[in-house]
Structures are given as C-alpha cells and as structure tokens.
Protein backbone atom coordinates (compact mmCIF):
# COMPACT_ATOMS: atom_id res chain seq x y z
CA UNK A 1 43.97 191.96 80.33
CA UNK A 2 45.50 193.89 77.43
CA UNK A 3 47.16 192.56 74.27
CA UNK A 4 50.49 192.17 76.09
CA UNK A 5 48.90 190.00 78.81
CA UNK A 6 49.13 192.75 81.42
CA UNK A 7 46.37 192.32 83.99
CA UNK A 8 44.36 195.54 84.10
CA UNK A 9 41.68 194.60 86.64
CA UNK A 10 40.81 191.52 88.69
CA UNK A 11 37.30 190.74 89.85
CA UNK A 12 36.19 187.95 92.20
CA UNK A 13 32.54 186.98 92.13
CA UNK A 14 30.08 184.12 92.06
CA UNK A 15 29.18 183.36 88.45
CA UNK A 16 27.57 180.89 86.08
CA UNK A 17 29.70 179.56 83.23
CA UNK A 18 27.98 179.37 79.87
CA UNK A 19 30.00 176.67 78.15
CA UNK A 20 30.55 176.95 74.40
CA UNK A 21 32.17 173.53 74.01
CA UNK A 22 33.61 170.60 75.89
CA UNK A 23 37.05 169.78 74.45
CA UNK A 24 39.91 167.46 75.26
CA UNK A 25 43.41 168.92 75.05
CA UNK A 26 43.89 167.07 71.77
CA UNK A 27 40.68 168.43 70.27
CA UNK A 28 41.57 171.98 71.30
CA UNK A 29 45.03 171.56 69.79
CA UNK A 30 43.65 170.34 66.46
CA UNK A 31 41.19 173.22 66.39
CA UNK A 32 43.99 175.77 66.92
CA UNK A 33 46.19 174.10 64.31
CA UNK A 34 43.49 173.84 61.65
CA UNK A 35 44.07 176.91 59.44
CA UNK A 36 40.76 176.25 57.68
CA UNK A 37 38.82 176.97 60.87
CA UNK A 38 37.94 180.61 61.41
CA UNK A 39 34.84 180.23 63.58
CA UNK A 40 34.50 182.10 66.86
CA UNK A 41 35.60 179.14 68.99
CA UNK A 42 38.80 178.49 67.05
CA UNK A 43 39.66 182.20 66.97
CA UNK A 44 39.05 182.46 70.72
CA UNK A 45 41.36 179.53 71.40
CA UNK A 46 44.11 181.09 69.28
CA UNK A 47 43.70 184.41 71.08
CA UNK A 48 43.94 182.68 74.45
CA UNK A 49 47.01 180.81 73.26
CA UNK A 50 48.59 184.10 72.18
CA UNK A 51 48.03 185.55 75.65
CA UNK A 52 49.22 182.34 77.33
CA UNK A 53 52.54 182.59 75.51
CA UNK A 54 52.88 186.19 76.69
CA UNK A 55 52.16 185.12 80.27
CA UNK A 56 54.70 182.32 80.08
CA UNK A 57 57.33 184.71 78.74
CA UNK A 58 56.68 187.13 81.63
CA UNK A 59 57.04 184.32 84.16
CA UNK A 60 60.30 183.23 82.53
CA UNK A 61 61.62 186.79 82.73
CA UNK A 62 60.83 186.75 86.46
CA UNK A 63 62.81 183.54 86.93
CA UNK A 64 60.18 180.79 86.54
CA UNK A 65 61.71 177.43 85.70
CA UNK A 66 60.74 175.15 82.84
CA UNK A 67 61.65 171.70 84.08
CA UNK A 68 60.90 168.19 82.86
CA UNK A 69 59.99 164.79 84.20
CA UNK A 70 59.38 161.41 82.65
CA UNK A 71 55.64 160.82 82.25
CA UNK A 72 54.27 157.66 80.70
CA UNK A 73 50.87 156.75 79.33
CA UNK A 74 49.72 153.13 79.21
CA UNK A 75 47.23 151.79 76.69
CA UNK A 76 45.05 149.10 78.29
CA UNK A 77 43.30 146.15 76.72
CA UNK A 78 39.58 146.91 76.61
CA UNK A 79 38.64 143.49 78.01
CA UNK A 80 41.45 142.41 80.35
CA UNK A 81 42.64 145.94 81.25
CA UNK A 82 46.21 144.69 81.02
CA UNK A 83 48.71 147.17 79.55
CA UNK A 84 49.43 146.49 75.87
CA UNK A 85 51.46 149.57 75.02
CA UNK A 86 53.33 152.45 76.62
CA UNK A 87 54.46 155.80 75.30
CA UNK A 88 55.97 159.00 76.54
CA UNK A 89 53.27 161.49 77.49
CA UNK A 90 53.73 164.59 75.36
CA UNK A 91 52.20 167.97 76.10
CA UNK A 92 51.04 170.42 73.43
CA UNK A 93 50.31 174.14 73.36
CA UNK A 94 46.74 173.50 74.53
CA UNK A 95 48.10 172.02 77.77
CA UNK A 96 50.28 175.07 78.37
CA UNK A 97 47.40 177.40 77.49
CA UNK A 98 45.29 176.01 80.31
CA UNK A 99 48.28 175.87 82.66
CA UNK A 100 49.10 179.57 82.27
CA UNK A 101 45.60 180.77 83.08
CA UNK A 102 45.33 178.32 85.99
CA UNK A 103 48.60 179.67 87.40
CA UNK A 104 47.34 183.23 87.00
CA UNK A 105 44.09 182.37 88.79
CA UNK A 106 45.96 180.63 91.62
CA UNK A 107 48.32 183.58 92.16
CA UNK A 108 45.42 186.07 92.10
CA UNK A 109 43.35 184.07 94.59
CA UNK A 110 46.36 183.58 96.88
CA UNK A 111 46.86 187.33 97.14
CA UNK A 112 43.14 187.87 97.74
CA UNK A 113 42.67 185.37 100.56
CA UNK A 114 45.93 186.42 102.23
CA UNK A 115 44.75 190.03 102.14
CA UNK A 116 41.57 189.09 104.04
CA UNK A 117 42.93 186.24 106.17
CA UNK A 118 46.66 186.92 106.69
CA UNK A 119 46.90 184.63 109.71
CA UNK A 120 45.02 181.59 108.47
CA UNK A 121 44.95 181.48 104.63
CA UNK A 122 45.85 178.12 103.09
CA UNK A 123 48.77 178.78 100.77
CA UNK A 124 51.45 176.82 98.93
CA UNK A 125 55.17 177.57 98.76
CA UNK A 126 58.23 176.06 97.14
CA UNK A 127 61.30 176.61 99.36
CA UNK A 128 64.51 177.67 97.64
CA UNK A 129 66.80 174.60 97.32
CA UNK A 130 70.20 174.69 98.99
CA UNK A 131 72.99 175.35 96.43
CA UNK A 132 74.51 171.95 97.28
CA UNK A 133 71.32 170.28 96.01
CA UNK A 134 72.37 171.20 92.48
CA UNK A 135 75.83 169.57 92.62
CA UNK A 136 74.79 166.54 90.50
CA UNK A 137 73.37 168.67 87.67
CA UNK A 138 76.28 171.14 87.83
CA UNK A 139 78.80 168.29 87.48
CA UNK A 140 76.78 166.63 84.72
CA UNK A 141 76.54 169.88 82.73
CA UNK A 142 80.23 170.62 83.30
CA UNK A 143 81.13 167.28 81.74
CA UNK A 144 79.47 168.53 78.54
CA UNK A 145 81.14 171.95 78.68
CA UNK A 146 78.25 173.94 80.17
CA UNK A 147 78.18 176.03 83.35
CA UNK A 148 75.04 176.10 85.47
CA UNK A 149 74.52 179.16 87.67
CA UNK A 150 72.19 178.33 90.58
CA UNK A 151 72.52 181.59 92.51
CA UNK A 152 68.95 182.59 91.53
CA UNK A 153 66.06 180.85 89.78
CA UNK A 154 66.35 183.32 86.91
CA UNK A 155 70.04 182.58 86.34
CA UNK A 156 69.32 178.86 86.64
CA UNK A 157 66.60 179.16 83.97
CA UNK A 158 68.97 181.08 81.68
CA UNK A 159 71.71 178.49 82.22
CA UNK A 160 69.35 175.67 81.32
CA UNK A 161 68.18 177.50 78.18
CA UNK A 162 71.81 177.96 77.09
CA UNK A 163 72.78 174.33 77.74
CA UNK A 164 71.79 172.97 74.37
CA UNK A 165 73.71 171.15 71.68
CA UNK A 166 72.41 170.15 68.22
CA UNK A 167 74.54 167.01 68.34
CA UNK A 168 72.41 165.72 71.26
CA UNK A 169 68.78 166.78 70.80
CA UNK A 170 67.66 165.11 74.04
CA UNK A 171 70.48 166.55 76.18
CA UNK A 172 68.58 169.62 77.37
CA UNK A 173 65.56 167.55 78.39
CA UNK A 174 67.78 165.18 80.37
CA UNK A 175 69.42 168.14 82.08
CA UNK A 176 66.01 169.55 83.06
CA UNK A 177 64.94 166.14 84.42
CA UNK A 178 68.08 166.06 86.57
CA UNK A 179 67.38 169.61 87.73
CA UNK A 180 63.84 168.65 88.74
CA UNK A 181 65.30 166.05 91.09
CA UNK A 182 67.42 168.67 92.79
CA UNK A 183 64.34 170.60 93.88
CA UNK A 184 62.78 170.75 97.30
CA UNK A 185 59.17 169.63 97.72
CA UNK A 186 56.46 172.28 97.41
CA UNK A 187 54.25 172.32 100.52
CA UNK A 188 50.95 173.68 101.80
CA UNK A 189 51.13 175.97 104.83
CA UNK A 190 49.09 178.35 106.93
CA UNK A 191 49.85 182.00 106.14
CA UNK A 192 50.36 183.06 109.76
CA UNK A 193 53.02 180.48 110.59
CA UNK A 194 56.00 181.89 108.65
CA UNK A 195 57.25 185.34 107.54
CA UNK A 196 55.93 186.69 104.23
CA UNK A 197 59.46 186.60 102.76
CA UNK A 198 59.28 182.78 102.90
CA UNK A 199 55.99 182.55 100.99
CA UNK A 200 57.75 182.53 97.60
CA UNK A 201 57.22 179.70 95.15
CA UNK A 202 60.74 179.14 93.78
CA UNK A 203 59.83 177.14 90.68
CA UNK A 204 57.09 179.51 89.56
CA UNK A 205 58.93 182.67 90.67
CA UNK A 206 55.69 183.78 92.34
CA UNK A 207 55.76 185.82 95.58
CA UNK A 208 52.57 184.11 96.78
CA UNK A 209 50.70 181.04 95.52
CA UNK A 210 47.94 178.60 96.36
CA UNK A 211 45.84 175.87 94.75
CA UNK A 212 42.38 177.09 93.74
CA UNK A 213 41.53 175.69 90.30
CA UNK A 214 40.92 171.98 91.00
CA UNK A 215 38.45 171.57 93.88
CA UNK A 216 37.04 168.39 92.31
CA UNK A 217 40.31 166.54 92.95
CA UNK A 218 42.19 168.36 95.75
CA UNK A 219 40.94 169.16 99.23
CA UNK A 220 43.31 172.15 99.49
CA UNK A 221 41.35 173.80 96.67
CA UNK A 222 38.08 173.21 98.54
CA UNK A 223 39.51 175.04 101.55
CA UNK A 224 40.73 177.89 99.35
CA UNK A 225 37.28 178.20 97.74
CA UNK A 226 35.80 178.61 101.23
CA UNK A 227 38.36 181.28 102.08
CA UNK A 228 37.63 183.14 98.83
CA UNK A 229 33.86 182.92 99.25
CA UNK A 230 34.19 184.46 102.70
CA UNK A 231 36.64 187.08 101.40
CA UNK A 232 34.18 188.33 98.78
CA UNK A 233 31.29 188.18 101.28
CA UNK A 234 29.30 185.50 99.52
CA UNK A 235 29.44 183.16 102.49
CA UNK A 236 29.77 183.55 106.22
CA UNK A 237 33.19 182.83 107.63
CA UNK A 238 33.59 179.40 109.19
CA UNK A 239 35.09 179.72 112.69
CA UNK A 240 37.51 176.91 111.79
CA UNK A 241 38.93 179.01 108.94
CA UNK A 242 40.26 181.46 111.51
CA UNK A 243 41.96 178.78 113.62
CA UNK A 244 45.61 179.07 112.61
CA UNK A 245 46.64 175.96 114.53
CA UNK A 246 43.90 173.87 112.93
CA UNK A 247 44.65 175.14 109.41
CA UNK A 248 48.35 174.36 109.81
CA UNK A 249 47.48 170.86 111.03
CA UNK A 250 45.27 170.30 107.96
CA UNK A 251 48.06 171.62 105.70
CA UNK A 252 50.52 169.15 107.21
CA UNK A 253 48.07 166.33 106.56
CA UNK A 254 47.60 167.56 102.97
CA UNK A 255 51.38 167.44 102.48
CA UNK A 256 51.49 163.90 103.83
CA UNK A 257 48.62 162.74 101.64
CA UNK A 258 50.21 164.39 98.60
CA UNK A 259 53.43 162.45 99.18
CA UNK A 260 51.47 159.23 99.61
CA UNK A 261 49.68 159.94 96.33
CA UNK A 262 53.01 160.41 94.57
CA UNK A 263 54.27 157.09 95.95
CA UNK A 264 51.06 155.37 94.84
CA UNK A 265 51.42 156.85 91.34
CA UNK A 266 54.99 155.60 91.03
CA UNK A 267 53.97 152.17 92.30
CA UNK A 268 51.19 152.05 89.71
CA UNK A 269 53.63 152.87 86.90
CA UNK A 270 56.00 150.20 88.18
CA UNK A 271 53.24 147.58 88.30
CA UNK A 272 51.96 148.36 84.81
CA UNK A 273 55.50 148.35 83.45
CA UNK A 274 56.10 144.87 84.88
CA UNK A 275 52.82 143.62 83.37
CA UNK A 276 53.66 145.17 80.00
CA UNK A 277 57.15 143.69 79.63
CA UNK A 278 56.42 140.30 81.20
CA UNK A 279 57.25 137.56 78.72
CA UNK A 280 58.94 139.98 76.32
CA UNK A 281 62.49 141.03 75.50
CA UNK A 282 62.60 144.51 74.00
CA UNK A 283 65.63 146.46 72.83
CA UNK A 284 65.61 150.25 73.03
CA UNK A 285 67.93 153.19 72.64
CA UNK A 286 68.49 154.97 75.94
CA UNK A 287 70.51 157.80 77.48
CA UNK A 288 72.52 157.60 80.68
CA UNK A 289 71.00 159.87 83.33
CA UNK A 290 73.77 159.39 85.88
CA UNK A 291 76.49 156.94 86.77
CA UNK A 292 76.94 155.09 90.07
CA UNK A 293 79.63 152.71 91.27
CA UNK A 294 77.70 149.58 90.41
CA UNK A 295 75.10 150.79 87.88
CA UNK A 296 73.94 153.36 85.39
CA UNK A 297 70.50 154.96 85.39
CA UNK A 298 69.13 154.94 81.85
CA UNK A 299 66.21 156.81 80.30
CA UNK A 300 64.35 155.52 77.22
CA UNK A 301 62.91 158.71 75.68
CA UNK A 302 60.64 156.93 73.18
CA UNK A 303 58.49 155.47 75.94
CA UNK A 304 59.46 157.62 78.93
CA UNK A 305 60.85 154.65 80.88
CA UNK A 306 63.69 154.97 83.34
CA UNK A 307 65.54 151.99 84.82
CA UNK A 308 68.72 150.79 86.44
CA UNK A 309 71.36 148.86 84.48
CA UNK A 310 73.66 147.08 86.91
CA UNK A 311 77.29 146.67 85.85
CA UNK A 312 78.26 143.96 88.31
CA UNK A 313 77.07 140.40 88.78
CA UNK A 314 75.52 138.86 91.88
CA UNK A 315 78.98 138.20 93.30
CA UNK A 316 79.96 141.83 92.93
CA UNK A 317 82.30 141.25 89.98
CA UNK A 318 82.46 143.87 87.24
CA UNK A 319 84.69 144.73 84.29
CA UNK A 320 84.08 148.43 85.01
CA UNK A 321 86.15 150.79 87.15
CA UNK A 322 84.33 153.70 88.78
CA UNK A 323 85.92 157.16 88.74
CA UNK A 324 84.55 159.16 91.69
CA UNK A 325 85.86 162.48 90.38
CA UNK A 326 84.41 162.21 86.87
CA UNK A 327 81.47 159.93 87.73
CA UNK A 328 82.36 157.55 84.92
CA UNK A 329 82.60 153.79 84.49
CA UNK A 330 85.47 152.46 82.37
CA UNK A 331 86.08 148.98 80.95
CA UNK A 332 88.93 148.81 78.46
CA UNK A 333 88.21 151.29 75.67
CA UNK A 334 84.62 151.82 76.80
CA UNK A 335 83.76 154.74 79.07
CA UNK A 336 80.21 155.35 80.27
CA UNK A 337 79.30 158.96 81.17
CA UNK A 338 76.14 160.93 81.82
CA UNK A 339 74.17 161.68 78.63
CA UNK A 340 75.90 158.95 76.60
CA UNK A 341 73.62 157.03 74.26
CA UNK A 342 73.45 153.28 74.90
CA UNK A 343 71.33 150.36 73.78
CA UNK A 344 69.61 148.21 76.37
CA UNK A 345 67.44 145.13 76.53
CA UNK A 346 64.36 145.24 78.78
CA UNK A 347 62.79 142.10 80.25
CA UNK A 348 61.21 141.02 83.53
CA UNK A 349 62.95 139.01 86.23
CA UNK A 350 60.26 136.64 87.54
CA UNK A 351 62.55 134.49 89.67
CA UNK A 352 60.68 135.78 92.71
CA UNK A 353 56.99 135.83 91.86
CA UNK A 354 56.20 138.06 94.83
CA UNK A 355 58.77 140.67 93.85
CA UNK A 356 59.05 140.74 90.08
CA UNK A 357 61.27 143.48 88.70
CA UNK A 358 62.64 144.83 85.45
CA UNK A 359 65.80 143.15 84.23
CA UNK A 360 67.72 145.65 82.09
CA UNK A 361 70.93 144.60 80.37
CA UNK A 362 73.49 146.56 78.38
CA UNK A 363 73.61 145.67 74.67
CA UNK A 364 75.82 148.50 73.36
CA UNK A 365 78.53 149.71 73.68
CA UNK A 366 80.20 146.34 73.57
CA UNK A 367 82.26 145.17 76.53
CA UNK A 368 83.77 141.71 75.85
CA UNK A 369 82.35 139.07 78.16
CA UNK A 370 79.76 141.39 79.67
CA UNK A 371 77.05 142.56 77.23
CA UNK A 372 74.07 140.57 76.16
CA UNK A 373 73.97 140.02 72.41
CA UNK A 374 71.58 142.02 70.30
CA UNK A 375 68.58 140.05 69.08
CA UNK A 376 67.14 142.64 66.70
CA UNK A 377 64.60 142.02 65.38
CA UNK A 378 63.40 140.85 68.78
CA UNK A 379 59.86 140.62 70.14
CA UNK A 380 58.76 144.24 70.24
CA UNK A 381 56.01 146.35 71.67
CA UNK A 382 53.28 147.53 69.36
CA UNK A 383 54.69 151.07 69.19
CA UNK A 384 57.91 149.76 67.59
CA UNK A 385 56.06 148.95 64.40
CA UNK A 386 54.13 152.24 64.29
C-alpha cells in the first residue's frame, strides 16, 4: 500500500503474528492523541490512522454510506450485576481505523475465494433497497428543507452529507438513523446461486464482500477461512465446500441465526433499560424521530435511548390532531414534527409484573390538560450529575 492508500500488491499466506501490544480501543485512541508520545508504537498507530482515513475517503467516493444507529452501553453493579448507569456508545478514530482495514481484508478475501470457488464461495451481499423504502426519510428531510436523492448510494451519501444545519446539531445523526431503517438486510449467500451483478454490497459500495476477520465469533468467518486455506493450497479442499446446495443451506441458517441474535440483543437492551429505570422518574431532552397517529417516537441522544410517547389515553382520547400529509400532531398552538426537541419523563409501568414496560410522558412543549408537570430536580441517573 502506498501513501495514498492504493493497494499495490496483495498476498495470502499462513503466518505468525508477533504482537507488539494488546490495546483496547480507548488505549489506542489515547496513544494516538498523546502528542508527547513519539515511540514506534504510537507512530505506527498514527500512520495506520492516516491510511484508514484515506481508505474511508475512497469508499465514500465510490458511494459507501455512513449511517448511524442508537447504541447503548450499560454500567453494571459489580456485586448484583444490575444496571446502574447507561450512556450512548461513542466511537473514536481507533474504532474506524480497525474497521477500515477489516473491510479491506474482507473485500480482498471475498475476491480471492470467489476466484477459486465461483460456484460455492460463502459471500455476503447487501441488496439495493427499493426507492419506496426511503419515503419516510425523504419526507422527513423535505420538512426541514432538504432534498434526498436515492437514485444511487453515492448520491444518497452526498445528500446526507449536505443535510446539515448548525441550528440543530443532532439533525444529521437523526437523519442517518432514519436512513439506516430504510435499508434492506445484508445476507450471506452461496456464490453460484445468483448472477455476479447481484453480489454488490450496497452500503459499503463494494462489488464483492464476505466476512473473514472474526472467526472467533462468527461461523461464516470459519467457513471463509476454510475456503481461503484451500484457495492458497495450505489445506486440502473439503468435499462439502464444493457442494453448492449445502453451502446455500448453511448460509440461510446463518441469516436466520443472525436475525435471532439481533432480536436477542434488542431484548437484552430492553430488559436492562427496565431494570435501570425501575423505581425512578428521570427527565431528559429528546428529539422526535417520527410522528404517528397516536404517538411520537423520541430519541434521547445523551443516553442513546429510544422510546414511544403515546398521545392518547387508554380510551383513545387525545388533544392532538394527526395530519397525514405533513406527518404532524397538532393541539392548539403546539405542533409536533420530526426532529423537534421535546422534554420527556421516563419511568417504568409495573402494573403488569410479567410485562413491565417503559412509561414515557411528554413534559414539554406544554399542552393544557395533557402534559405531566416537570419535577426538576427529579431523581436522576448517575450520569446526570457527571
């Protein structure tokens, strides 16, 4: 690789890694940021980071998307293991450094195993979403005066980059979160089952892709390692690796298990959130993600929490009128729209012990006879005082 992150040669071989250090992302970030450090390790990390930024820029120029999703991190009590704090999970340059070189390795390996096993290689693709999938984000951006072009991934990426306003620092992130939800699901597949033109990974703007870099946590990567080992003649080919029908069946099971893992992760976040807020009433600033007839979906950026704020009571009564064209809720002088800032109160509804759920109420803006009153200072989470 040269100074502009152009790949000059690629070599696949069995090797032994001589590790210089074992670092967390945070430790690597501090080492790169510490101007007083000029040792070989710190300089190497900065050089890698320089190349990673070049790689990311090249991917962006090809149409790769930079999206966003709400990720939370819980702090657990050391004795009870109950959650005692939650915060939005933030990624630094060290995270993106590793990501870029992992993506490059995955793309390189995908091309290699497909070259040797075009009919049976285990690959991963991200189908292009239908234009209608983007209707919610197009309408939401239009309400703020921005046009989103979804005709290609590159034009979509450029539209998202341009949709920024200093008056609302979190607006662009919200827009990228909404865009993420318009995407199709990336899937594993057997190379010989579809035409090469359909191999493309839409989000990464890669013509071919697979998962190679994490065999300790994904079975797909284990399969790909076997394909690569056979491709570079370090291992004999397993007869099963040439069975296109079998490989496709395994890929379908991998897709199913991946979805189940996602559901389990969301359920875990939901459970820990209930445990964290049980017995508390916490007020937070939030942004409206989107508006429905009977509710708004609100995102609390400080802690990465998303929840539903219902605007009607148990009998279906509501002071709000829903506008289907504008996707707004209006009550008197108050109009709720996507990306509006609101204040909410978060508690837990324990009326049904078997099905406890978050109880989120609107504090501001004020709607006479509807809001809950602000109780600031109320009982807060530990991070409020930090």
